[in-house]
């Protein structure tokens, strides 16, 4: 298993989603890949907020606006970025 997939599995465990099907995982990773540049941009604009969800709420945006589902996607994205930063 490569470093990226280890980070994915750690992020899934950290967010309570360790048992996704292959199709669910692929969909989640696709959404997160598309949303990552937006989340990173928000992080640069609003470093005072700790999470992607908080940054979105601060500027009046929904998770869907950057391609994420509201149920756990922002938390998974944050956990994955944190895992990758430590890899």
N, C-alpha and C. Protein backbone atom coordinates (compact mmCIF):
# COMPACT_ATOMS: atom_id res chain seq x y z
N UNK A 1 0.84 -1.17 0.00
CA UNK A 1 0.00 0.00 0.00
C UNK A 1 0.90 1.24 0.00
N UNK A 2 0.61 2.17 -0.88
CA UNK A 2 1.43 3.37 -0.97
C UNK A 2 1.03 4.39 0.09
N UNK A 3 1.81 5.44 0.20
CA UNK A 3 1.60 6.45 1.24
C UNK A 3 0.24 7.13 1.12
N UNK A 4 -0.20 7.37 -0.12
CA UNK A 4 -1.50 8.01 -0.31
C UNK A 4 -2.62 7.13 0.23
N UNK A 5 -2.60 5.86 -0.10
CA UNK A 5 -3.67 4.96 0.36
C UNK A 5 -3.61 4.77 1.87
N UNK A 6 -2.42 4.76 2.46
CA UNK A 6 -2.33 4.71 3.92
C UNK A 6 -2.98 5.95 4.53
N UNK A 7 -2.71 7.11 3.93
CA UNK A 7 -3.32 8.36 4.41
C UNK A 7 -4.84 8.30 4.27
N UNK A 8 -5.33 7.76 3.17
CA UNK A 8 -6.77 7.62 2.96
C UNK A 8 -7.37 6.74 4.05
N UNK A 9 -6.75 5.61 4.33
CA UNK A 9 -7.28 4.69 5.34
C UNK A 9 -7.23 5.30 6.74
N UNK A 10 -6.17 6.04 7.05
CA UNK A 10 -6.10 6.72 8.35
C UNK A 10 -7.18 7.79 8.45
N UNK A 11 -7.40 8.54 7.37
CA UNK A 11 -8.43 9.58 7.37
C UNK A 11 -9.82 8.97 7.49
N UNK A 12 -10.05 7.85 6.82
CA UNK A 12 -11.34 7.16 6.95
C UNK A 12 -11.58 6.73 8.39
N UNK A 13 -10.57 6.15 9.00
CA UNK A 13 -10.70 5.70 10.39
C UNK A 13 -10.92 6.90 11.32
N UNK A 14 -10.21 7.98 11.08
CA UNK A 14 -10.33 9.17 11.94
C UNK A 14 -11.70 9.81 11.86
N UNK A 15 -12.37 9.63 10.73
CA UNK A 15 -13.69 10.25 10.55
C UNK A 15 -14.82 9.24 10.69
N UNK A 16 -14.51 8.05 11.12
CA UNK A 16 -15.54 7.05 11.37
C UNK A 16 -16.17 6.45 10.13
N UNK A 17 -15.41 6.36 9.06
CA UNK A 17 -15.91 5.82 7.79
C UNK A 17 -15.05 4.67 7.28
N UNK A 18 -14.62 3.74 8.13
CA UNK A 18 -13.65 2.74 7.67
C UNK A 18 -14.22 1.64 6.77
N UNK A 19 -15.54 1.55 6.64
CA UNK A 19 -16.11 0.42 5.91
C UNK A 19 -16.90 0.85 4.68
N UNK A 20 -16.32 1.70 3.87
CA UNK A 20 -16.97 2.09 2.62
C UNK A 20 -16.76 1.02 1.56
N UNK A 21 -17.71 0.90 0.67
CA UNK A 21 -17.53 0.00 -0.47
C UNK A 21 -16.52 0.64 -1.42
N UNK A 22 -16.03 -0.13 -2.36
CA UNK A 22 -15.09 0.40 -3.35
C UNK A 22 -15.72 1.54 -4.12
N UNK A 23 -16.97 1.40 -4.48
CA UNK A 23 -17.67 2.45 -5.24
C UNK A 23 -17.83 3.72 -4.39
N UNK A 24 -18.20 3.56 -3.11
CA UNK A 24 -18.36 4.71 -2.22
C UNK A 24 -17.03 5.42 -2.02
N UNK A 25 -15.96 4.64 -1.84
CA UNK A 25 -14.63 5.23 -1.65
C UNK A 25 -14.20 5.98 -2.90
N UNK A 26 -14.41 5.40 -4.06
CA UNK A 26 -14.03 6.07 -5.31
C UNK A 26 -14.80 7.38 -5.47
N UNK A 27 -16.08 7.38 -5.14
CA UNK A 27 -16.88 8.60 -5.24
C UNK A 27 -16.39 9.65 -4.26
N UNK A 28 -16.11 9.23 -3.03
CA UNK A 28 -15.60 10.16 -2.02
C UNK A 28 -14.27 10.76 -2.46
N UNK A 29 -13.35 9.94 -2.92
CA UNK A 29 -12.05 10.43 -3.37
C UNK A 29 -12.19 11.37 -4.56
N UNK A 30 -13.13 11.09 -5.44
CA UNK A 30 -13.37 11.98 -6.58
C UNK A 30 -13.86 13.34 -6.13
N UNK A 31 -14.79 13.36 -5.18
CA UNK A 31 -15.30 14.63 -4.66
C UNK A 31 -14.20 15.41 -3.95
N UNK A 32 -13.42 14.69 -3.15
CA UNK A 32 -12.35 15.34 -2.38
C UNK A 32 -11.27 15.88 -3.32
N UNK A 33 -10.93 15.13 -4.35
CA UNK A 33 -9.93 15.60 -5.31
C UNK A 33 -10.38 16.90 -5.97
N UNK A 34 -11.65 16.97 -6.31
CA UNK A 34 -12.17 18.17 -6.96
C UNK A 34 -12.25 19.34 -5.99
N UNK A 35 -12.55 19.07 -4.73
CA UNK A 35 -12.74 20.13 -3.74
C UNK A 35 -11.44 20.61 -3.11
N UNK A 36 -10.38 19.83 -3.18
CA UNK A 36 -9.13 20.17 -2.49
C UNK A 36 -8.59 21.55 -2.85
N UNK A 37 -8.50 21.93 -4.12
CA UNK A 37 -7.97 23.28 -4.42
C UNK A 37 -8.84 24.38 -3.80
N UNK A 38 -10.15 24.18 -3.78
CA UNK A 38 -11.05 25.16 -3.19
C UNK A 38 -10.82 25.24 -1.68
N UNK A 39 -10.68 24.09 -1.04
CA UNK A 39 -10.45 24.05 0.40
C UNK A 39 -9.12 24.69 0.76
N UNK A 40 -8.11 24.44 -0.04
CA UNK A 40 -6.80 25.05 0.22
C UNK A 40 -6.85 26.57 0.04
N UNK A 41 -7.59 27.02 -0.95
CA UNK A 41 -7.76 28.45 -1.16
C UNK A 41 -8.48 29.08 0.03
N UNK A 42 -9.54 28.43 0.50
CA UNK A 42 -10.26 28.93 1.67
C UNK A 42 -9.36 28.97 2.90
N UNK A 43 -8.48 27.98 3.01
CA UNK A 43 -7.56 27.93 4.14
C UNK A 43 -6.62 29.14 4.12
N UNK A 44 -6.16 29.50 2.94
CA UNK A 44 -5.29 30.67 2.82
C UNK A 44 -6.05 31.97 3.13
N UNK A 45 -7.31 32.04 2.69
CA UNK A 45 -8.11 33.24 2.91
C UNK A 45 -8.59 33.38 4.35
N UNK A 46 -8.86 32.25 5.00
CA UNK A 46 -9.45 32.27 6.35
C UNK A 46 -8.72 31.33 7.30
N UNK A 47 -7.45 31.63 7.58
CA UNK A 47 -6.68 30.75 8.46
C UNK A 47 -7.18 30.75 9.91
N UNK A 48 -8.01 31.73 10.26
CA UNK A 48 -8.52 31.80 11.62
C UNK A 48 -9.55 30.70 11.92
N UNK A 49 -10.08 30.08 10.88
CA UNK A 49 -11.04 28.99 11.06
C UNK A 49 -10.31 27.66 10.95
N UNK A 50 -10.66 26.73 11.84
CA UNK A 50 -9.90 25.48 11.96
C UNK A 50 -10.26 24.43 10.92
N UNK A 51 -11.46 24.47 10.37
CA UNK A 51 -11.89 23.40 9.47
C UNK A 51 -12.46 23.94 8.17
N UNK A 52 -12.51 23.07 7.19
CA UNK A 52 -13.12 23.44 5.91
C UNK A 52 -14.58 23.81 6.10
N UNK A 53 -15.30 23.03 6.91
CA UNK A 53 -16.72 23.33 7.16
C UNK A 53 -16.87 24.72 7.78
N UNK A 54 -16.02 25.05 8.76
CA UNK A 54 -16.10 26.36 9.40
C UNK A 54 -15.79 27.48 8.41
N UNK A 55 -14.81 27.25 7.55
CA UNK A 55 -14.46 28.27 6.55
C UNK A 55 -15.60 28.48 5.57
N UNK A 56 -16.24 27.40 5.14
CA UNK A 56 -17.38 27.51 4.24
C UNK A 56 -18.52 28.29 4.90
N UNK A 57 -18.81 27.95 6.14
CA UNK A 57 -19.89 28.65 6.85
C UNK A 57 -19.56 30.12 7.04
N UNK A 58 -18.30 30.43 7.28
CA UNK A 58 -17.89 31.82 7.51
C UNK A 58 -18.15 32.71 6.30
N UNK A 59 -18.07 32.13 5.12
CA UNK A 59 -18.30 32.94 3.92
C UNK A 59 -19.65 32.67 3.27
N UNK A 60 -20.49 31.90 3.98
CA UNK A 60 -21.85 31.66 3.51
C UNK A 60 -21.97 30.67 2.37
N UNK A 61 -21.02 29.76 2.26
CA UNK A 61 -21.06 28.75 1.21
C UNK A 61 -21.48 27.40 1.80
N UNK A 62 -22.03 26.57 0.96
CA UNK A 62 -22.37 25.21 1.36
C UNK A 62 -21.28 24.26 0.89
N UNK A 63 -21.29 23.08 1.46
CA UNK A 63 -20.34 22.04 1.03
C UNK A 63 -20.53 21.72 -0.45
N UNK A 64 -21.77 21.69 -0.87
CA UNK A 64 -22.08 21.36 -2.26
C UNK A 64 -21.45 22.35 -3.23
N UNK A 65 -21.27 23.57 -2.80
CA UNK A 65 -20.71 24.61 -3.68
C UNK A 65 -19.30 24.25 -4.15
N UNK A 66 -18.56 23.48 -3.33
CA UNK A 66 -17.21 23.06 -3.76
C UNK A 66 -17.18 21.57 -4.09
N UNK A 67 -18.37 20.97 -4.24
CA UNK A 67 -18.45 19.59 -4.70
C UNK A 67 -18.46 18.52 -3.62
N UNK A 68 -18.66 18.92 -2.36
CA UNK A 68 -18.66 17.94 -1.28
C UNK A 68 -20.07 17.64 -0.80
N UNK A 69 -20.26 16.45 -0.30
CA UNK A 69 -21.51 16.11 0.38
C UNK A 69 -21.39 16.62 1.81
N UNK A 70 -22.50 17.01 2.39
CA UNK A 70 -22.49 17.59 3.73
C UNK A 70 -22.16 16.56 4.81
N UNK A 71 -22.49 15.30 4.59
CA UNK A 71 -22.32 14.25 5.60
C UNK A 71 -20.90 13.70 5.63
N UNK A 72 -19.99 14.39 6.30
CA UNK A 72 -18.66 13.84 6.53
C UNK A 72 -17.59 14.16 5.52
N UNK A 73 -17.94 14.63 4.34
CA UNK A 73 -16.91 14.93 3.33
C UNK A 73 -15.92 16.00 3.79
N UNK A 74 -16.38 17.12 4.35
CA UNK A 74 -15.40 18.13 4.75
C UNK A 74 -14.45 17.62 5.84
N UNK A 75 -14.97 16.83 6.75
CA UNK A 75 -14.13 16.28 7.81
C UNK A 75 -13.11 15.28 7.24
N UNK A 76 -13.56 14.48 6.29
CA UNK A 76 -12.63 13.54 5.64
C UNK A 76 -11.55 14.32 4.89
N UNK A 77 -11.93 15.35 4.17
CA UNK A 77 -10.97 16.17 3.43
C UNK A 77 -9.92 16.74 4.38
N UNK A 78 -10.36 17.31 5.49
CA UNK A 78 -9.42 17.87 6.46
C UNK A 78 -8.50 16.79 7.01
N UNK A 79 -9.07 15.63 7.36
CA UNK A 79 -8.26 14.54 7.91
C UNK A 79 -7.25 14.03 6.88
N UNK A 80 -7.67 13.93 5.61
CA UNK A 80 -6.77 13.45 4.58
C UNK A 80 -5.63 14.45 4.35
N UNK A 81 -5.95 15.72 4.27
CA UNK A 81 -4.90 16.72 4.08
C UNK A 81 -3.91 16.71 5.25
N UNK A 82 -4.42 16.51 6.44
CA UNK A 82 -3.55 16.45 7.61
C UNK A 82 -2.65 15.20 7.55
N UNK A 83 -3.22 14.06 7.17
CA UNK A 83 -2.43 12.83 7.03
C UNK A 83 -1.36 12.98 5.96
N UNK A 84 -1.72 13.58 4.84
CA UNK A 84 -0.76 13.77 3.76
C UNK A 84 0.35 14.73 4.15
N UNK A 85 0.03 15.71 4.95
CA UNK A 85 1.06 16.66 5.41
C UNK A 85 2.07 15.98 6.32
N UNK A 86 1.64 14.93 7.00
CA UNK A 86 2.53 14.21 7.91
C UNK A 86 3.20 13.01 7.27
N UNK A 87 2.83 12.71 6.04
CA UNK A 87 3.38 11.51 5.36
C UNK A 87 4.79 11.76 4.86
